[in-house]
Amino acid sequence: MKRLSLLFLACACSAVLLQAQTPKIGFVNSGKIFQELPEAQDAQRRIDAMTKPIQDAIETKEKELQAKIDDYKKKESMMNDAAKKTAQDEILDLEQKYRNYRTEKLGNDGELAKETDKILAPLKAKILAGIERIAKEEKYSFIFDKTEQVNILLYGDSAHDLTFKVIDRLKRGK
């Protein structure tokens, strides 16, 4: 009987230790969280409002460049070498200005990217804080992100999907 008690106690201790050592893993869909938050929708409207004039200016510059190229092609056969060279230089200059403008506005370090980061940074911090609070409260060791664009998590049991808990917590402001 004493042996049986010791064996049971050893098994119980082992089970507790194994459970304590097994990390608890969960996941969220940050894209879904982003879509559901009113602040994110407002941020997206602000970003779209900034993007429209830039896209319009790029389209105008592109049309201007294409018109210059088309005009050159029409008149090329009637031009002497000096006129051809001047027209080609103008087109190259216009192409360079177009590329520079596009990079300056839409590049990875461009104006739009910087403004987007400024708008989204507080929202990202809020979402991460919400995820962290839930992870700590429910004792998760790791939280992965599963979005439609990037699938780092290949499988996740929906019982460990914390997406809607995070959305609920952020919407309630806790």
N, C-alpha and C. Protein backbone atom coordinates (compact mmCIF):
# COMPACT_ATOMS: atom_id res chain seq x y z
N MET A 1 0.82 -1.19 0.00
CA MET A 1 0.00 0.00 0.00
C MET A 1 0.86 1.26 0.00
N LYS A 2 1.93 1.18 0.85
CA LYS A 2 2.85 2.32 0.93
C LYS A 2 3.53 2.54 -0.42
N ARG A 3 3.89 1.43 -1.07
CA ARG A 3 4.54 1.51 -2.39
C ARG A 3 3.59 2.11 -3.42
N LEU A 4 2.34 1.72 -3.36
CA LEU A 4 1.34 2.22 -4.28
C LEU A 4 1.12 3.72 -4.07
N SER A 5 1.13 4.15 -2.84
CA SER A 5 0.97 5.57 -2.51
C SER A 5 2.15 6.36 -3.07
N LEU A 6 3.36 5.83 -2.87
CA LEU A 6 4.55 6.50 -3.39
C LEU A 6 4.55 6.56 -4.91
N LEU A 7 4.13 5.47 -5.53
CA LEU A 7 4.05 5.44 -6.99
C LEU A 7 3.04 6.46 -7.49
N PHE A 8 1.89 6.54 -6.84
CA PHE A 8 0.86 7.51 -7.23
C PHE A 8 1.37 8.93 -7.05
N LEU A 9 2.04 9.19 -5.93
CA LEU A 9 2.59 10.51 -5.65
C LEU A 9 3.64 10.88 -6.70
N ALA A 10 4.49 9.93 -7.06
CA ALA A 10 5.52 10.17 -8.08
C ALA A 10 4.88 10.49 -9.43
N CYS A 11 3.85 9.75 -9.79
CA CYS A 11 3.15 10.00 -11.07
C CYS A 11 2.49 11.38 -11.06
N ALA A 12 1.87 11.74 -9.96
CA ALA A 12 1.20 13.04 -9.86
C ALA A 12 2.22 14.17 -9.97
N CYS A 13 3.36 14.01 -9.29
CA CYS A 13 4.42 15.03 -9.37
C CYS A 13 4.97 15.14 -10.78
N SER A 14 5.15 14.02 -11.42
CA SER A 14 5.66 14.01 -12.80
C SER A 14 4.68 14.71 -13.73
N ALA A 15 3.41 14.44 -13.58
CA ALA A 15 2.39 15.07 -14.42
C ALA A 15 2.39 16.58 -14.23
N VAL A 16 2.50 17.02 -12.97
CA VAL A 16 2.54 18.46 -12.69
C VAL A 16 3.78 19.09 -13.30
N LEU A 17 4.92 18.42 -13.16
CA LEU A 17 6.16 18.95 -13.72
C LEU A 17 6.11 19.01 -15.24
N LEU A 18 5.59 17.96 -15.86
CA LEU A 18 5.47 17.95 -17.32
C LEU A 18 4.56 19.07 -17.80
N GLN A 19 3.45 19.26 -17.10
CA GLN A 19 2.53 20.31 -17.50
C GLN A 19 3.18 21.68 -17.31
N ALA A 20 3.94 21.86 -16.27
CA ALA A 20 4.61 23.12 -16.00
C ALA A 20 5.68 23.39 -17.05
N GLN A 21 6.30 22.37 -17.60
CA GLN A 21 7.37 22.55 -18.56
C GLN A 21 6.86 22.68 -19.98
N THR A 22 5.63 22.26 -20.26
CA THR A 22 5.10 22.33 -21.61
C THR A 22 4.62 23.75 -21.88
N PRO A 23 5.19 24.40 -22.88
CA PRO A 23 4.77 25.77 -23.16
C PRO A 23 3.37 25.78 -23.77
N LYS A 24 2.62 26.79 -23.41
CA LYS A 24 1.28 26.97 -23.95
C LYS A 24 1.41 27.90 -25.16
N ILE A 25 0.88 27.45 -26.29
CA ILE A 25 1.05 28.19 -27.54
C ILE A 25 -0.31 28.57 -28.09
N GLY A 26 -0.43 29.81 -28.51
CA GLY A 26 -1.67 30.30 -29.12
C GLY A 26 -1.35 31.08 -30.38
N PHE A 27 -2.39 31.55 -31.05
CA PHE A 27 -2.18 32.35 -32.25
C PHE A 27 -3.29 33.36 -32.41
N VAL A 28 -3.01 34.38 -33.20
CA VAL A 28 -4.00 35.41 -33.54
C VAL A 28 -3.91 35.67 -35.05
N ASN A 29 -4.94 36.27 -35.57
CA ASN A 29 -4.93 36.74 -36.94
C ASN A 29 -4.90 38.26 -36.85
N SER A 30 -3.71 38.83 -36.96
CA SER A 30 -3.58 40.28 -36.78
C SER A 30 -4.33 41.05 -37.86
N GLY A 31 -4.44 40.48 -39.05
CA GLY A 31 -5.21 41.14 -40.11
C GLY A 31 -6.67 41.28 -39.72
N LYS A 32 -7.23 40.23 -39.15
CA LYS A 32 -8.63 40.25 -38.69
C LYS A 32 -8.79 41.26 -37.56
N ILE A 33 -7.86 41.28 -36.64
CA ILE A 33 -7.92 42.24 -35.53
C ILE A 33 -7.92 43.65 -36.09
N PHE A 34 -7.04 43.89 -37.04
CA PHE A 34 -6.94 45.21 -37.66
C PHE A 34 -8.25 45.60 -38.34
N GLN A 35 -8.86 44.67 -39.05
CA GLN A 35 -10.11 44.96 -39.75
C GLN A 35 -11.25 45.30 -38.80
N GLU A 36 -11.25 44.71 -37.63
CA GLU A 36 -12.37 44.85 -36.70
C GLU A 36 -12.30 46.11 -35.85
N LEU A 37 -11.15 46.71 -35.72
CA LEU A 37 -11.03 47.87 -34.84
C LEU A 37 -11.43 49.17 -35.55
N PRO A 38 -12.31 49.94 -34.95
CA PRO A 38 -12.71 51.21 -35.55
C PRO A 38 -11.51 52.15 -35.78
N GLU A 39 -10.56 52.14 -34.85
CA GLU A 39 -9.37 53.00 -35.01
C GLU A 39 -8.58 52.61 -36.26
N ALA A 40 -8.54 51.32 -36.55
CA ALA A 40 -7.81 50.85 -37.74
C ALA A 40 -8.54 51.27 -39.00
N GLN A 41 -9.85 51.22 -38.97
CA GLN A 41 -10.63 51.65 -40.14
C GLN A 41 -10.42 53.14 -40.39
N ASP A 42 -10.39 53.93 -39.32
CA ASP A 42 -10.14 55.36 -39.43
C ASP A 42 -8.72 55.61 -39.97
N ALA A 43 -7.77 54.85 -39.47
CA ALA A 43 -6.38 54.98 -39.94
C ALA A 43 -6.29 54.66 -41.43
N GLN A 44 -6.99 53.63 -41.86
CA GLN A 44 -6.96 53.25 -43.28
C GLN A 44 -7.57 54.35 -44.14
N ARG A 45 -8.63 54.99 -43.66
CA ARG A 45 -9.23 56.11 -44.41
C ARG A 45 -8.24 57.27 -44.53
N ARG A 46 -7.51 57.54 -43.45
CA ARG A 46 -6.51 58.62 -43.49
C ARG A 46 -5.39 58.29 -44.47
N ILE A 47 -4.96 57.05 -44.47
CA ILE A 47 -3.90 56.61 -45.39
C ILE A 47 -4.39 56.70 -46.83
N ASP A 48 -5.62 56.25 -47.06
CA ASP A 48 -6.19 56.32 -48.42
C ASP A 48 -6.29 57.77 -48.89
N ALA A 49 -6.67 58.67 -47.99
CA ALA A 49 -6.77 60.09 -48.34
C ALA A 49 -5.41 60.67 -48.70
N MET A 50 -4.36 60.20 -48.05
CA MET A 50 -3.00 60.67 -48.39
C MET A 50 -2.53 60.06 -49.70
N THR A 51 -2.95 58.83 -49.98
CA THR A 51 -2.48 58.11 -51.16
C THR A 51 -3.07 58.67 -52.45
N LYS A 52 -4.33 59.06 -52.42
CA LYS A 52 -5.03 59.49 -53.64
C LYS A 52 -4.32 60.61 -54.37
N PRO A 53 -3.96 61.72 -53.73
CA PRO A 53 -3.28 62.79 -54.48
C PRO A 53 -1.91 62.36 -55.04
N ILE A 54 -1.23 61.49 -54.30
CA ILE A 54 0.07 61.01 -54.78
C ILE A 54 -0.14 60.15 -56.03
N GLN A 55 -1.11 59.26 -55.98
CA GLN A 55 -1.40 58.41 -57.15
C GLN A 55 -1.83 59.27 -58.34
N ASP A 56 -2.63 60.30 -58.09
CA ASP A 56 -3.07 61.18 -59.17
C ASP A 56 -1.88 61.90 -59.80
N ALA A 57 -0.98 62.39 -58.97
CA ALA A 57 0.21 63.09 -59.49
C ALA A 57 1.09 62.13 -60.29
N ILE A 58 1.22 60.91 -59.83
CA ILE A 58 2.03 59.92 -60.55
C ILE A 58 1.39 59.61 -61.91
N GLU A 59 0.08 59.45 -61.93
CA GLU A 59 -0.63 59.20 -63.20
C GLU A 59 -0.43 60.35 -64.17
N THR A 60 -0.50 61.57 -63.67
CA THR A 60 -0.30 62.76 -64.52
C THR A 60 1.11 62.77 -65.10
N LYS A 61 2.09 62.51 -64.25
CA LYS A 61 3.48 62.48 -64.72
C LYS A 61 3.70 61.34 -65.72
N GLU A 62 3.06 60.21 -65.49
CA GLU A 62 3.19 59.07 -66.39
C GLU A 62 2.58 59.38 -67.77
N LYS A 63 1.42 60.04 -67.77
CA LYS A 63 0.77 60.43 -69.02
C LYS A 63 1.62 61.45 -69.76
N GLU A 64 2.20 62.37 -69.02
CA GLU A 64 3.08 63.39 -69.61
C GLU A 64 4.29 62.72 -70.27
N LEU A 65 4.87 61.77 -69.59
CA LEU A 65 6.01 61.03 -70.12
C LEU A 65 5.61 60.25 -71.37
N GLN A 66 4.49 59.56 -71.30
CA GLN A 66 4.03 58.77 -72.45
C GLN A 66 3.72 59.67 -73.64
N ALA A 67 3.14 60.83 -73.40
CA ALA A 67 2.85 61.77 -74.49
C ALA A 67 4.14 62.24 -75.14
N LYS A 68 5.15 62.49 -74.32
CA LYS A 68 6.46 62.93 -74.85
C LYS A 68 7.08 61.82 -75.71
N ILE A 69 6.99 60.58 -75.25
CA ILE A 69 7.53 59.44 -76.01
C ILE A 69 6.77 59.27 -77.32
N ASP A 70 5.45 59.33 -77.25
CA ASP A 70 4.62 59.19 -78.47
C ASP A 70 4.93 60.29 -79.47
N ASP A 71 5.06 61.52 -78.97
CA ASP A 71 5.38 62.66 -79.84
C ASP A 71 6.74 62.46 -80.50
N TYR A 72 7.70 61.98 -79.74
CA TYR A 72 9.03 61.73 -80.28
C TYR A 72 8.97 60.66 -81.38
N LYS A 73 8.24 59.59 -81.15
CA LYS A 73 8.13 58.52 -82.15
C LYS A 73 7.50 59.01 -83.44
N LYS A 74 6.52 59.90 -83.33
CA LYS A 74 5.86 60.44 -84.53
C LYS A 74 6.80 61.32 -85.34
N LYS A 75 7.62 62.10 -84.64
CA LYS A 75 8.47 63.10 -85.30
C LYS A 75 9.89 62.62 -85.54
N GLU A 76 10.25 61.46 -85.04
CA GLU A 76 11.63 60.97 -85.10
C GLU A 76 12.18 60.94 -86.52
N SER A 77 11.39 60.44 -87.45
CA SER A 77 11.90 60.30 -88.82
C SER A 77 12.16 61.64 -89.50
N MET A 78 11.55 62.70 -89.00
CA MET A 78 11.76 64.03 -89.60
C MET A 78 12.83 64.84 -88.88
N MET A 79 13.40 64.29 -87.82
CA MET A 79 14.39 65.03 -87.02
C MET A 79 15.80 64.75 -87.49
N ASN A 80 16.65 65.78 -87.35
CA ASN A 80 18.07 65.54 -87.59
C ASN A 80 18.67 64.95 -86.31
N ASP A 81 19.92 64.56 -86.38
CA ASP A 81 20.56 63.88 -85.24
C ASP A 81 20.59 64.74 -83.98
N ALA A 82 20.85 66.04 -84.12
CA ALA A 82 20.90 66.93 -82.97
C ALA A 82 19.53 67.03 -82.30
N ALA A 83 18.49 67.14 -83.10
CA ALA A 83 17.12 67.24 -82.56
C ALA A 83 16.73 65.92 -81.88
N LYS A 84 17.14 64.79 -82.49
CA LYS A 84 16.86 63.49 -81.88
C LYS A 84 17.52 63.38 -80.52
N LYS A 85 18.78 63.79 -80.47
CA LYS A 85 19.54 63.72 -79.23
C LYS A 85 18.88 64.59 -78.15
N THR A 86 18.48 65.79 -78.51
CA THR A 86 17.83 66.70 -77.57
C THR A 86 16.52 66.10 -77.06
N ALA A 87 15.70 65.56 -77.97
CA ALA A 87 14.42 64.95 -77.59
C ALA A 87 14.64 63.72 -76.70
N GLN A 88 15.63 62.91 -77.03
CA GLN A 88 15.93 61.72 -76.22
C GLN A 88 16.39 62.13 -74.82
N ASP A 89 17.23 63.17 -74.77
CA ASP A 89 17.69 63.66 -73.47
C ASP A 89 16.52 64.18 -72.62
N GLU A 90 15.59 64.86 -73.27
CA GLU A 90 14.42 65.37 -72.55
C GLU A 90 13.58 64.20 -72.01
N ILE A 91 13.42 63.17 -72.82
CA ILE A 91 12.65 62.00 -72.39
C ILE A 91 13.36 61.31 -71.24
N LEU A 92 14.67 61.13 -71.35
CA LEU A 92 15.43 60.49 -70.27
C LEU A 92 15.35 61.30 -68.98
N ASP A 93 15.42 62.63 -69.12
CA ASP A 93 15.32 63.51 -67.96
C ASP A 93 13.93 63.38 -67.31
N LEU A 94 12.91 63.37 -68.14
CA LEU A 94 11.54 63.23 -67.65
C LEU A 94 11.33 61.87 -66.98
N GLU A 95 11.89 60.81 -67.57
CA GLU A 95 11.80 59.47 -66.97
C GLU A 95 12.48 59.45 -65.61
N GLN A 96 13.64 60.07 -65.51
CA GLN A 96 14.39 60.12 -64.25
C GLN A 96 13.59 60.88 -63.18
N LYS A 97 13.01 62.01 -63.58
CA LYS A 97 12.20 62.79 -62.63
C LYS A 97 10.99 61.98 -62.17
N TYR A 98 10.38 61.26 -63.10
CA TYR A 98 9.23 60.42 -62.78
C TYR A 98 9.62 59.34 -61.78
N ARG A 99 10.71 58.63 -62.05
CA ARG A 99 11.18 57.58 -61.14
C ARG A 99 11.54 58.14 -59.77
N ASN A 100 12.22 59.29 -59.75
CA ASN A 100 12.60 59.91 -58.48
C ASN A 100 11.37 60.30 -57.67
N TYR A 101 10.40 60.90 -58.34
CA TYR A 101 9.17 61.31 -57.66
C TYR A 101 8.46 60.09 -57.08
N ARG A 102 8.35 59.06 -57.89
CA ARG A 102 7.67 57.83 -57.47
C ARG A 102 8.37 57.21 -56.25
N THR A 103 9.70 57.15 -56.29
CA THR A 103 10.47 56.60 -55.18
C THR A 103 10.34 57.49 -53.94
N GLU A 104 10.42 58.80 -54.14
CA GLU A 104 10.31 59.75 -53.04
C GLU A 104 8.96 59.64 -52.34
N LYS A 105 7.92 59.40 -53.10
CA LYS A 105 6.57 59.34 -52.53
C LYS A 105 6.16 57.92 -52.10
N LEU A 106 6.47 56.92 -52.93
CA LEU A 106 5.96 55.56 -52.69
C LEU A 106 7.02 54.53 -52.31
N GLY A 107 8.28 54.91 -52.30
CA GLY A 107 9.35 53.96 -51.97
C GLY A 107 9.26 53.47 -50.53
N ASN A 108 10.06 52.47 -50.21
CA ASN A 108 10.07 51.92 -48.85
C ASN A 108 10.38 52.97 -47.79
N ASP A 109 11.21 53.94 -48.13
CA ASP A 109 11.52 55.03 -47.22
C ASP A 109 10.85 56.32 -47.68
N GLY A 110 9.85 56.19 -48.53
CA GLY A 110 9.18 57.35 -49.10
C GLY A 110 8.23 58.03 -48.13
N GLU A 111 7.71 59.13 -48.60
CA GLU A 111 6.82 59.96 -47.81
C GLU A 111 5.58 59.19 -47.32
N LEU A 112 4.97 58.43 -48.21
CA LEU A 112 3.77 57.69 -47.83
C LEU A 112 4.08 56.60 -46.80
N ALA A 113 5.19 55.91 -46.98
CA ALA A 113 5.57 54.86 -46.02
C ALA A 113 5.82 55.46 -44.63
N LYS A 114 6.47 56.60 -44.58
CA LYS A 114 6.76 57.25 -43.30
C LYS A 114 5.48 57.71 -42.61
N GLU A 115 4.58 58.32 -43.39
CA GLU A 115 3.32 58.77 -42.82
C GLU A 115 2.46 57.60 -42.37
N THR A 116 2.46 56.53 -43.15
CA THR A 116 1.71 55.33 -42.79
C THR A 116 2.23 54.75 -41.48
N ASP A 117 3.54 54.69 -41.35
CA ASP A 117 4.14 54.20 -40.10
C ASP A 117 3.74 55.07 -38.91
N LYS A 118 3.71 56.39 -39.11
CA LYS A 118 3.31 57.30 -38.02
C LYS A 118 1.87 57.05 -37.61
N ILE A 119 1.02 56.81 -38.59
CA ILE A 119 -0.40 56.58 -38.29
C ILE A 119 -0.61 55.22 -37.64
N LEU A 120 0.08 54.20 -38.13
CA LEU A 120 -0.16 52.83 -37.65
C LEU A 120 0.61 52.45 -36.39
N ALA A 121 1.70 53.14 -36.09
CA ALA A 121 2.54 52.76 -34.94
C ALA A 121 1.75 52.69 -33.63
N PRO A 122 0.95 53.72 -33.29
CA PRO A 122 0.21 53.62 -32.02
C PRO A 122 -0.81 52.48 -32.03
N LEU A 123 -1.41 52.23 -33.17
CA LEU A 123 -2.39 51.16 -33.29
C LEU A 123 -1.73 49.79 -33.14
N LYS A 124 -0.57 49.63 -33.79
CA LYS A 124 0.17 48.36 -33.65
C LYS A 124 0.57 48.13 -32.20
N ALA A 125 1.01 49.20 -31.54
CA ALA A 125 1.41 49.08 -30.13
C ALA A 125 0.22 48.68 -29.26
N LYS A 126 -0.94 49.25 -29.55
CA LYS A 126 -2.15 48.91 -28.79
C LYS A 126 -2.52 47.44 -29.00
N ILE A 127 -2.46 46.98 -30.24
CA ILE A 127 -2.80 45.58 -30.54
C ILE A 127 -1.81 44.64 -29.86
N LEU A 128 -0.52 44.94 -29.97
CA LEU A 128 0.48 44.09 -29.32
C LEU A 128 0.31 44.06 -27.81
N ALA A 129 -0.04 45.21 -27.23
CA ALA A 129 -0.26 45.25 -25.78
C ALA A 129 -1.46 44.39 -25.40
N GLY A 130 -2.50 44.43 -26.21
CA GLY A 130 -3.67 43.59 -25.96
C GLY A 130 -3.34 42.12 -26.06
N ILE A 131 -2.58 41.76 -27.05
CA ILE A 131 -2.15 40.35 -27.21
C ILE A 131 -1.30 39.94 -26.01
N GLU A 132 -0.40 40.81 -25.62
CA GLU A 132 0.49 40.49 -24.49
C GLU A 132 -0.29 40.33 -23.19
N ARG A 133 -1.29 41.20 -22.97
CA ARG A 133 -2.10 41.09 -21.74
C ARG A 133 -2.82 39.74 -21.69
N ILE A 134 -3.45 39.37 -22.80
CA ILE A 134 -4.17 38.09 -22.82
C ILE A 134 -3.20 36.92 -22.66
N ALA A 135 -2.06 37.00 -23.33
CA ALA A 135 -1.06 35.93 -23.22
C ALA A 135 -0.61 35.76 -21.77
N LYS A 136 -0.37 36.85 -21.08
CA LYS A 136 0.08 36.77 -19.69
C LYS A 136 -1.04 36.27 -18.77
N GLU A 137 -2.25 36.80 -18.97
CA GLU A 137 -3.37 36.39 -18.13
C GLU A 137 -3.68 34.90 -18.27
N GLU A 138 -3.58 34.41 -19.50
CA GLU A 138 -3.93 33.01 -19.76
C GLU A 138 -2.70 32.11 -19.81
N LYS A 139 -1.55 32.69 -19.46
CA LYS A 139 -0.29 31.95 -19.32
C LYS A 139 0.17 31.27 -20.61
N TYR A 140 0.09 32.02 -21.71
CA TYR A 140 0.64 31.52 -22.98
C TYR A 140 2.11 31.86 -23.04
N SER A 141 2.92 30.91 -23.48
CA SER A 141 4.35 31.15 -23.63
C SER A 141 4.66 31.81 -24.97
N PHE A 142 3.90 31.43 -26.00
CA PHE A 142 4.13 31.94 -27.34
C PHE A 142 2.81 32.25 -28.01
N ILE A 143 2.78 33.35 -28.76
CA ILE A 143 1.63 33.69 -29.59
C ILE A 143 2.16 33.93 -31.01
N PHE A 144 1.63 33.17 -31.95
CA PHE A 144 2.02 33.33 -33.35
C PHE A 144 0.96 34.14 -34.08
N ASP A 145 1.34 34.66 -35.23
CA ASP A 145 0.42 35.42 -36.06
C ASP A 145 0.07 34.60 -37.29
N LYS A 146 -1.20 34.52 -37.58
CA LYS A 146 -1.65 33.80 -38.78
C LYS A 146 -2.52 34.77 -39.58
N THR A 147 -1.95 35.33 -40.64
CA THR A 147 -2.70 36.25 -41.48
C THR A 147 -2.92 35.61 -42.84
N GLU A 148 -3.77 36.25 -43.63
CA GLU A 148 -4.02 35.74 -44.97
C GLU A 148 -2.79 35.91 -45.88
N GLN A 149 -2.02 36.97 -45.64
CA GLN A 149 -0.87 37.26 -46.49
C GLN A 149 0.34 36.39 -46.15
N VAL A 150 0.62 36.24 -44.86
CA VAL A 150 1.80 35.51 -44.42
C VAL A 150 1.34 34.37 -43.52
N ASN A 151 1.61 33.16 -43.94
CA ASN A 151 1.18 32.01 -43.17
C ASN A 151 2.38 31.36 -42.48
N ILE A 152 2.78 31.94 -41.37
CA ILE A 152 3.87 31.37 -40.59
C ILE A 152 3.36 30.15 -39.83
N LEU A 153 2.12 30.23 -39.40
CA LEU A 153 1.50 29.13 -38.68
C LEU A 153 0.76 28.26 -39.69
N LEU A 154 1.20 27.06 -39.87
CA LEU A 154 0.60 26.18 -40.86
C LEU A 154 -0.65 25.49 -40.34
N TYR A 155 -0.71 25.26 -39.05
CA TYR A 155 -1.90 24.68 -38.46
C TYR A 155 -2.05 25.21 -37.04
N GLY A 156 -3.27 25.47 -36.67
CA GLY A 156 -3.56 25.87 -35.31
C GLY A 156 -4.95 25.43 -34.92
N ASP A 157 -5.06 24.75 -33.83
CA ASP A 157 -6.36 24.33 -33.31
C ASP A 157 -7.12 25.59 -32.91
N SER A 158 -8.34 25.71 -33.37
CA SER A 158 -9.12 26.92 -33.11
C SER A 158 -9.32 27.18 -31.61
N ALA A 159 -9.14 26.18 -30.79
CA ALA A 159 -9.25 26.39 -29.35
C ALA A 159 -8.16 27.32 -28.84
N HIS A 160 -7.08 27.45 -29.60
CA HIS A 160 -5.96 28.31 -29.19
C HIS A 160 -5.92 29.62 -29.98
N ASP A 161 -6.99 29.90 -30.74
CA ASP A 161 -7.08 31.14 -31.51
C ASP A 161 -7.56 32.25 -30.59
N LEU A 162 -6.72 33.20 -30.33
CA LEU A 162 -7.02 34.29 -29.40
C LEU A 162 -7.50 35.55 -30.11
N THR A 163 -7.68 35.48 -31.42
CA THR A 163 -8.02 36.66 -32.22
C THR A 163 -9.22 37.40 -31.65
N PHE A 164 -10.31 36.70 -31.43
CA PHE A 164 -11.54 37.37 -31.00
C PHE A 164 -11.46 37.84 -29.55
N LYS A 165 -10.67 37.18 -28.73
CA LYS A 165 -10.45 37.67 -27.36
C LYS A 165 -9.72 39.02 -27.42
N VAL A 166 -8.73 39.11 -28.31
CA VAL A 166 -7.98 40.36 -28.44
C VAL A 166 -8.90 41.46 -28.97
N ILE A 167 -9.69 41.16 -30.00
CA ILE A 167 -10.61 42.14 -30.56
C ILE A 167 -11.57 42.63 -29.48
N ASP A 168 -12.16 41.69 -28.74
CA ASP A 168 -13.10 42.04 -27.69
C ASP A 168 -12.45 42.92 -26.65
N ARG A 169 -11.27 42.55 -26.21
CA ARG A 169 -10.55 43.31 -25.18
C ARG A 169 -10.22 44.71 -25.68
N LEU A 170 -9.77 44.84 -26.92
CA LEU A 170 -9.41 46.15 -27.45
C LEU A 170 -10.64 47.03 -27.65
N LYS A 171 -11.73 46.44 -28.07
CA LYS A 171 -12.96 47.22 -28.28
C LYS A 171 -13.54 47.70 -26.94
N ARG A 172 -13.39 46.88 -25.91
CA ARG A 172 -13.89 47.28 -24.59
C ARG A 172 -12.92 48.25 -23.90
N GLY A 173 -11.71 48.35 -24.43
CA GLY A 173 -10.75 49.30 -23.87
C GLY A 173 -10.08 48.85 -22.60
N LYS A 174 -9.97 47.55 -22.40
CA LYS A 174 -9.34 47.06 -21.16
C LYS A 174 -7.98 46.50 -21.48
